[in-house]
């Protein structure tokens, strides 16, 4: 449930990027979300050594911290 909540929250925060991807590439909303959000989160699990399909509390915390760092870099860009 926590992993799914992370995906939902990150999808909402990335909505502008998803919409841009749809316009530029002609992708459907679900495809654009998969490319942007789902892969980003799946990669975060890989990078912290966690299992996307069976996350532990520890891996969820590490993924959240990784996503926090990712978001802070996005905000700092001009």
PDB file of N, CA and C in Angstrom:
ATOM      1  N   UNK A   1       0.816  -1.187   0.000  1.00  0.00           N
ATOM      2  CA  UNK A   1       0.000   0.000   0.000  1.00  0.00           C
ATOM      3  C   UNK A   1       0.866   1.261   0.000  1.00  0.00           C
ATOM      4  N   UNK A   2       1.955   1.237   0.739  1.00  0.00           N
ATOM      5  CA  UNK A   2       2.815   2.413   0.813  1.00  0.00           C
ATOM      6  C   UNK A   2       3.460   2.673  -0.543  1.00  0.00           C
ATOM      7  N   UNK A   3       3.942   1.620  -1.179  1.00  0.00           N
ATOM      8  CA  UNK A   3       4.556   1.775  -2.502  1.00  0.00           C
ATOM      9  C   UNK A   3       3.559   2.385  -3.470  1.00  0.00           C
ATOM     10  N   UNK A   4       2.331   1.913  -3.462  1.00  0.00           N
ATOM     11  CA  UNK A   4       1.310   2.436  -4.362  1.00  0.00           C
ATOM     12  C   UNK A   4       0.982   3.893  -4.052  1.00  0.00           C
ATOM     13  N   UNK A   5       1.021   4.258  -2.777  1.00  0.00           N
ATOM     14  CA  UNK A   5       0.796   5.654  -2.388  1.00  0.00           C
ATOM     15  C   UNK A   5       1.931   6.540  -2.898  1.00  0.00           C
ATOM     16  N   UNK A   6       3.154   6.033  -2.841  1.00  0.00           N
ATOM     17  CA  UNK A   6       4.300   6.776  -3.377  1.00  0.00           C
ATOM     18  C   UNK A   6       4.106   7.008  -4.864  1.00  0.00           C
ATOM     19  N   UNK A   7       3.707   5.967  -5.584  1.00  0.00           N
ATOM     20  CA  UNK A   7       3.484   6.089  -7.024  1.00  0.00           C
ATOM     21  C   UNK A   7       2.400   7.125  -7.303  1.00  0.00           C
ATOM     22  N   UNK A   8       1.301   7.061  -6.568  1.00  0.00           N
ATOM     23  CA  UNK A   8       0.200   8.002  -6.783  1.00  0.00           C
ATOM     24  C   UNK A   8       0.636   9.439  -6.500  1.00  0.00           C
ATOM     25  N   UNK A   9       1.318   9.667  -5.403  1.00  0.00           N
ATOM     26  CA  UNK A   9       1.776  11.017  -5.058  1.00  0.00           C
ATOM     27  C   UNK A   9       2.758  11.542  -6.103  1.00  0.00           C
ATOM     28  N   UNK A  10       3.690  10.692  -6.497  1.00  0.00           N
ATOM     29  CA  UNK A  10       4.691  11.122  -7.473  1.00  0.00           C
ATOM     30  C   UNK A  10       4.039  11.366  -8.831  1.00  0.00           C
ATOM     31  N   UNK A  11       3.028  10.588  -9.168  1.00  0.00           N
ATOM     32  CA  UNK A  11       2.295  10.810 -10.412  1.00  0.00           C
ATOM     33  C   UNK A  11       1.647  12.192 -10.392  1.00  0.00           C
ATOM     34  N   UNK A  12       1.065  12.551  -9.279  1.00  0.00           N
ATOM     35  CA  UNK A  12       0.423  13.864  -9.169  1.00  0.00           C
ATOM     36  C   UNK A  12       1.442  14.990  -9.294  1.00  0.00           C
ATOM     37  N   UNK A  13       2.604  14.831  -8.687  1.00  0.00           N
ATOM     38  CA  UNK A  13       3.602  15.890  -8.751  1.00  0.00           C
ATOM     39  C   UNK A  13       4.263  15.975 -10.124  1.00  0.00           C
ATOM     40  N   UNK A  14       4.249  14.888 -10.852  1.00  0.00           N
ATOM     41  CA  UNK A  14       4.873  14.846 -12.172  1.00  0.00           C
ATOM     42  C   UNK A  14       3.867  15.044 -13.308  1.00  0.00           C
ATOM     43  N   UNK A  15       2.658  15.446 -12.981  1.00  0.00           N
ATOM     44  CA  UNK A  15       1.594  15.547 -13.979  1.00  0.00           C
ATOM     45  C   UNK A  15       1.983  16.456 -15.147  1.00  0.00           C
ATOM     46  N   UNK A  16       2.655  17.553 -14.872  1.00  0.00           N
ATOM     47  CA  UNK A  16       3.062  18.466 -15.939  1.00  0.00           C
ATOM     48  C   UNK A  16       4.027  17.779 -16.910  1.00  0.00           C
ATOM     49  N   UNK A  17       4.972  17.013 -16.363  1.00  0.00           N
ATOM     50  CA  UNK A  17       5.915  16.274 -17.206  1.00  0.00           C
ATOM     51  C   UNK A  17       5.180  15.231 -18.030  1.00  0.00           C
ATOM     52  N   UNK A  18       4.254  14.530 -17.405  1.00  0.00           N
ATOM     53  CA  UNK A  18       3.475  13.496 -18.102  1.00  0.00           C
ATOM     54  C   UNK A  18       2.685  14.120 -19.250  1.00  0.00           C
ATOM     55  N   UNK A  19       2.049  15.259 -18.992  1.00  0.00           N
ATOM     56  CA  UNK A  19       1.268  15.931 -20.043  1.00  0.00           C
ATOM     57  C   UNK A  19       2.171  16.373 -21.189  1.00  0.00           C
ATOM     58  N   UNK A  20       3.363  16.874 -20.866  1.00  0.00           N
ATOM     59  CA  UNK A  20       4.316  17.280 -21.907  1.00  0.00           C
ATOM     60  C   UNK A  20       4.737  16.085 -22.751  1.00  0.00           C
ATOM     61  N   UNK A  21       4.977  14.953 -22.081  1.00  0.00           N
ATOM     62  CA  UNK A  21       5.366  13.746 -22.806  1.00  0.00           C
ATOM     63  C   UNK A  21       4.259  13.301 -23.749  1.00  0.00           C
ATOM     64  N   UNK A  22       3.019  13.428 -23.316  1.00  0.00           N
ATOM     65  CA  UNK A  22       1.888  13.042 -24.161  1.00  0.00           C
ATOM     66  C   UNK A  22       1.843  13.909 -25.415  1.00  0.00           C
ATOM     67  N   UNK A  23       2.026  15.215 -25.252  1.00  0.00           N
ATOM     68  CA  UNK A  23       1.960  16.141 -26.381  1.00  0.00           C
ATOM     69  C   UNK A  23       3.117  15.899 -27.343  1.00  0.00           C
ATOM     70  N   UNK A  24       4.307  15.796 -26.798  1.00  0.00           N
ATOM     71  CA  UNK A  24       5.506  15.651 -27.632  1.00  0.00           C
ATOM     72  C   UNK A  24       5.535  14.311 -28.356  1.00  0.00           C
ATOM     73  N   UNK A  25       5.194  13.245 -27.646  1.00  0.00           N
ATOM     74  CA  UNK A  25       5.371  11.900 -28.201  1.00  0.00           C
ATOM     75  C   UNK A  25       4.104  11.276 -28.747  1.00  0.00           C
ATOM     76  N   UNK A  26       2.961  11.843 -28.399  1.00  0.00           N
ATOM     77  CA  UNK A  26       1.703  11.244 -28.831  1.00  0.00           C
ATOM     78  C   UNK A  26       1.318  10.024 -28.010  1.00  0.00           C
ATOM     79  N   UNK A  27       1.986   9.829 -26.867  1.00  0.00           N
ATOM     80  CA  UNK A  27       1.671   8.694 -26.006  1.00  0.00           C
ATOM     81  C   UNK A  27       0.337   8.905 -25.306  1.00  0.00           C
ATOM     82  N   UNK A  28      -0.286   7.812 -24.927  1.00  0.00           N
ATOM     83  CA  UNK A  28      -1.474   7.879 -24.085  1.00  0.00           C
ATOM     84  C   UNK A  28      -1.024   8.184 -22.662  1.00  0.00           C
ATOM     85  N   UNK A  29      -1.947   8.668 -21.859  1.00  0.00           N
ATOM     86  CA  UNK A  29      -1.628   9.064 -20.487  1.00  0.00           C
ATOM     87  C   UNK A  29      -0.989   7.917 -19.701  1.00  0.00           C
ATOM     88  N   UNK A  30      -1.547   6.723 -19.828  1.00  0.00           N
ATOM     89  CA  UNK A  30      -1.027   5.569 -19.079  1.00  0.00           C
ATOM     90  C   UNK A  30       0.403   5.234 -19.513  1.00  0.00           C
ATOM     91  N   UNK A  31       0.673   5.333 -20.823  1.00  0.00           N
ATOM     92  CA  UNK A  31       2.018   5.046 -21.325  1.00  0.00           C
ATOM     93  C   UNK A  31       3.020   6.090 -20.844  1.00  0.00           C
ATOM     94  N   UNK A  32       2.619   7.350 -20.881  1.00  0.00           N
ATOM     95  CA  UNK A  32       3.503   8.428 -20.437  1.00  0.00           C
ATOM     96  C   UNK A  32       3.805   8.279 -18.949  1.00  0.00           C
ATOM     97  N   UNK A  33       2.794   7.924 -18.156  1.00  0.00           N
ATOM     98  CA  UNK A  33       2.991   7.715 -16.720  1.00  0.00           C
ATOM     99  C   UNK A  33       3.971   6.574 -16.494  1.00  0.00           C
ATOM    100  N   UNK A  34       3.811   5.484 -17.237  1.00  0.00           N
ATOM    101  CA  UNK A  34       4.685   4.318 -17.072  1.00  0.00           C
ATOM    102  C   UNK A  34       6.130   4.699 -17.349  1.00  0.00           C
ATOM    103  N   UNK A  35       6.346   5.459 -18.415  1.00  0.00           N
ATOM    104  CA  UNK A  35       7.704   5.853 -18.774  1.00  0.00           C
ATOM    105  C   UNK A  35       8.292   6.789 -17.732  1.00  0.00           C
ATOM    106  N   UNK A  36       7.531   7.757 -17.289  1.00  0.00           N
ATOM    107  CA  UNK A  36       8.052   8.774 -16.386  1.00  0.00           C
ATOM    108  C   UNK A  36       8.084   8.318 -14.927  1.00  0.00           C
ATOM    109  N   UNK A  37       6.955   7.984 -14.376  1.00  0.00           N
ATOM    110  CA  UNK A  37       6.854   7.743 -12.935  1.00  0.00           C
ATOM    111  C   UNK A  37       7.223   6.314 -12.563  1.00  0.00           C
ATOM    112  N   UNK A  38       6.573   5.355 -13.165  1.00  0.00           N
ATOM    113  CA  UNK A  38       6.797   3.966 -12.770  1.00  0.00           C
ATOM    114  C   UNK A  38       8.256   3.558 -12.941  1.00  0.00           C
ATOM    115  N   UNK A  39       8.854   3.912 -14.080  1.00  0.00           N
ATOM    116  CA  UNK A  39      10.256   3.533 -14.287  1.00  0.00           C
ATOM    117  C   UNK A  39      11.181   4.263 -13.324  1.00  0.00           C
ATOM    118  N   UNK A  40      10.884   5.516 -13.033  1.00  0.00           N
ATOM    119  CA  UNK A  40      11.690   6.263 -12.074  1.00  0.00           C
ATOM    120  C   UNK A  40      11.662   5.594 -10.705  1.00  0.00           C
ATOM    121  N   UNK A  41      10.491   5.189 -10.277  1.00  0.00           N
ATOM    122  CA  UNK A  41      10.362   4.555  -8.964  1.00  0.00           C
ATOM    123  C   UNK A  41      10.957   3.146  -8.973  1.00  0.00           C
ATOM    124  N   UNK A  42      10.730   2.397 -10.041  1.00  0.00           N
ATOM    125  CA  UNK A  42      11.337   1.063 -10.146  1.00  0.00           C
ATOM    126  C   UNK A  42      12.857   1.173 -10.111  1.00  0.00           C
ATOM    127  N   UNK A  43      13.415   2.173 -10.820  1.00  0.00           N
ATOM    128  CA  UNK A  43      14.869   2.376 -10.799  1.00  0.00           C
ATOM    129  C   UNK A  43      15.360   2.754  -9.412  1.00  0.00           C
ATOM    130  N   UNK A  44      14.573   3.556  -8.702  1.00  0.00           N
ATOM    131  CA  UNK A  44      14.956   3.930  -7.333  1.00  0.00           C
ATOM    132  C   UNK A  44      15.049   2.683  -6.456  1.00  0.00           C
ATOM    133  N   UNK A  45      14.089   1.772  -6.599  1.00  0.00           N
ATOM    134  CA  UNK A  45      14.160   0.516  -5.837  1.00  0.00           C
ATOM    135  C   UNK A  45      15.413  -0.265  -6.203  1.00  0.00           C
ATOM    136  N   UNK A  46      15.725  -0.349  -7.489  1.00  0.00           N
ATOM    137  CA  UNK A  46      16.941  -1.049  -7.920  1.00  0.00           C
ATOM    138  C   UNK A  46      18.183  -0.422  -7.304  1.00  0.00           C
ATOM    139  N   UNK A  47      18.241   0.913  -7.336  1.00  0.00           N
ATOM    140  CA  UNK A  47      19.418   1.616  -6.838  1.00  0.00           C
ATOM    141  C   UNK A  47      19.633   1.435  -5.338  1.00  0.00           C
ATOM    142  N   UNK A  48      18.558   1.262  -4.581  1.00  0.00           N
ATOM    143  CA  UNK A  48      18.718   1.070  -3.130  1.00  0.00           C
ATOM    144  C   UNK A  48      18.760  -0.409  -2.746  1.00  0.00           C
ATOM    145  N   UNK A  49      18.684  -1.282  -3.751  1.00  0.00           N
ATOM    146  CA  UNK A  49      18.731  -2.717  -3.476  1.00  0.00           C
ATOM    147  C   UNK A  49      17.417  -3.267  -2.970  1.00  0.00           C
ATOM    148  N   UNK A  50      16.317  -2.569  -3.249  1.00  0.00           N
ATOM    149  CA  UNK A  50      15.000  -3.006  -2.802  1.00  0.00           C
ATOM    150  C   UNK A  50      14.255  -3.767  -3.886  1.00  0.00           C
ATOM    151  N   UNK A  51      13.199  -4.408  -3.495  1.00  0.00           N
ATOM    152  CA  UNK A  51      12.354  -5.166  -4.408  1.00  0.00           C
ATOM    153  C   UNK A  51      11.052  -4.392  -4.619  1.00  0.00           C
ATOM    154  N   UNK A  52      10.842  -3.910  -5.845  1.00  0.00           N
ATOM    155  CA  UNK A  52       9.663  -3.117  -6.171  1.00  0.00           C
ATOM    156  C   UNK A  52       8.370  -3.860  -5.850  1.00  0.00           C
ATOM    157  N   UNK A  53       8.341  -5.158  -6.113  1.00  0.00           N
ATOM    158  CA  UNK A  53       7.122  -5.947  -5.922  1.00  0.00           C
ATOM    159  C   UNK A  53       6.905  -6.394  -4.474  1.00  0.00           C
ATOM    160  N   UNK A  54       7.958  -6.433  -3.699  1.00  0.00           N
ATOM    161  CA  UNK A  54       7.869  -6.828  -2.284  1.00  0.00           C
ATOM    162  C   UNK A  54       8.712  -5.885  -1.442  1.00  0.00           C
ATOM    163  N   UNK A  55       8.305  -4.620  -1.353  1.00  0.00           N
ATOM    164  CA  UNK A  55       9.136  -3.648  -0.641  1.00  0.00           C
ATOM    165  C   UNK A  55       9.117  -3.855   0.872  1.00  0.00           C
ATOM    166  N   UNK A  56      10.248  -3.570   1.473  1.00  0.00           N
ATOM    167  CA  UNK A  56      10.343  -3.587   2.931  1.00  0.00           C
ATOM    168  C   UNK A  56      10.242  -2.143   3.430  1.00  0.00           C
ATOM    169  N   UNK A  57      10.035  -1.988   4.711  1.00  0.00           N
ATOM    170  CA  UNK A  57       9.982  -0.653   5.299  1.00  0.00           C
ATOM    171  C   UNK A  57      11.289   0.086   5.008  1.00  0.00           C
ATOM    172  N   UNK A  58      12.397  -0.606   5.152  1.00  0.00           N
ATOM    173  CA  UNK A  58      13.707  -0.001   4.916  1.00  0.00           C
ATOM    174  C   UNK A  58      13.859   0.455   3.467  1.00  0.00           C
ATOM    175  N   UNK A  59      13.468  -0.385   2.515  1.00  0.00           N
ATOM    176  CA  UNK A  59      13.614  -0.003   1.115  1.00  0.00           C
ATOM    177  C   UNK A  59      12.670   1.147   0.755  1.00  0.00           C
ATOM    178  N   UNK A  60      11.483   1.161   1.346  1.00  0.00           N
ATOM    179  CA  UNK A  60      10.552   2.264   1.091  1.00  0.00           C
ATOM    180  C   UNK A  60      11.135   3.589   1.585  1.00  0.00           C
ATOM    181  N   UNK A  61      11.738   3.581   2.751  1.00  0.00           N
ATOM    182  CA  UNK A  61      12.353   4.800   3.293  1.00  0.00           C
ATOM    183  C   UNK A  61      13.489   5.257   2.383  1.00  0.00           C
ATOM    184  N   UNK A  62      14.320   4.322   1.945  1.00  0.00           N
ATOM    185  CA  UNK A  62      15.430   4.672   1.056  1.00  0.00           C
ATOM    186  C   UNK A  62      14.922   5.223  -0.273  1.00  0.00           C
ATOM    187  N   UNK A  63      13.865   4.638  -0.810  1.00  0.00           N
ATOM    188  CA  UNK A  63      13.293   5.117  -2.072  1.00  0.00           C
ATOM    189  C   UNK A  63      12.729   6.524  -1.896  1.00  0.00           C
ATOM    190  N   UNK A  64      12.033   6.756  -0.804  1.00  0.00           N
ATOM    191  CA  UNK A  64      11.488   8.093  -0.554  1.00  0.00           C
ATOM    192  C   UNK A  64      12.616   9.117  -0.473  1.00  0.00           C
ATOM    193  N   UNK A  65      13.703   8.772   0.182  1.00  0.00           N
ATOM    194  CA  UNK A  65      14.836   9.697   0.284  1.00  0.00           C
ATOM    195  C   UNK A  65      15.460   9.942  -1.090  1.00  0.00           C
ATOM    196  N   UNK A  66      15.547   8.909  -1.889  1.00  0.00           N
ATOM    197  CA  UNK A  66      16.092   9.040  -3.248  1.00  0.00           C
ATOM    198  C   UNK A  66      15.188   9.940  -4.090  1.00  0.00           C
ATOM    199  N   UNK A  67      13.884   9.755  -3.994  1.00  0.00           N
ATOM    200  CA  UNK A  67      12.942  10.586  -4.740  1.00  0.00           C
ATOM    201  C   UNK A  67      12.970  12.023  -4.237  1.00  0.00           C
ATOM    202  N   UNK A  68      13.164  12.200  -2.953  1.00  0.00           N
ATOM    203  CA  UNK A  68      13.287  13.546  -2.386  1.00  0.00           C
ATOM    204  C   UNK A  68      14.486  14.260  -3.011  1.00  0.00           C
ATOM    205  N   UNK A  69      15.599  13.549  -3.104  1.00  0.00           N
ATOM    206  CA  UNK A  69      16.803  14.125  -3.697  1.00  0.00           C
ATOM    207  C   UNK A  69      16.557  14.454  -5.170  1.00  0.00           C
ATOM    208  N   UNK A  70      15.879  13.566  -5.875  1.00  0.00           N
ATOM    209  CA  UNK A  70      15.552  13.796  -7.285  1.00  0.00           C
ATOM    210  C   UNK A  70      14.716  15.058  -7.436  1.00  0.00           C
ATOM    211  N   UNK A  71      13.697  15.202  -6.594  1.00  0.00           N
ATOM    212  CA  UNK A  71      12.795  16.363  -6.660  1.00  0.00           C
ATOM    213  C   UNK A  71      13.529  17.649  -6.328  1.00  0.00           C
ATOM    214  N   UNK A  72      14.426  17.592  -5.358  1.00  0.00           N
ATOM    215  CA  UNK A  72      15.161  18.814  -4.985  1.00  0.00           C
ATOM    216  C   UNK A  72      16.049  19.273  -6.133  1.00  0.00           C
ATOM    217  N   UNK A  73      16.593  18.351  -6.911  1.00  0.00           N
ATOM    218  CA  UNK A  73      17.382  18.723  -8.084  1.00  0.00           C
ATOM    219  C   UNK A  73      16.498  19.351  -9.152  1.00  0.00           C
ATOM    220  N   UNK A  74      15.283  18.856  -9.303  1.00  0.00           N
ATOM    221  CA  UNK A  74      14.354  19.409 -10.293  1.00  0.00           C
ATOM    222  C   UNK A  74      13.968  20.835  -9.928  1.00  0.00           C
ATOM    223  N   UNK A  75      13.758  21.098  -8.665  1.00  0.00           N
ATOM    224  CA  UNK A  75      13.346  22.429  -8.211  1.00  0.00           C
ATOM    225  C   UNK A  75      14.483  23.433  -8.387  1.00  0.00           C
ATOM    226  N   UNK A  76      15.708  22.997  -8.234  1.00  0.00           N
ATOM    227  CA  UNK A  76      16.866  23.899  -8.316  1.00  0.00           C
ATOM    228  C   UNK A  76      17.193  24.283  -9.751  1.00  0.00           C
ATOM    229  N   UNK A  77      16.683  23.544 -10.733  1.00  0.00           N
ATOM    230  CA  UNK A  77      16.965  23.883 -12.134  1.00  0.00           C
ATOM    231  C   UNK A  77      16.271  25.178 -12.507  1.00  0.00           C
ATOM    232  N   UNK A  78      16.967  25.996 -13.331  1.00  0.00           N
ATOM    233  CA  UNK A  78      16.361  27.277 -13.731  1.00  0.00           C
ATOM    234  C   UNK A  78      15.179  27.091 -14.657  1.00  0.00           C
TER     235      UNK A  78
END
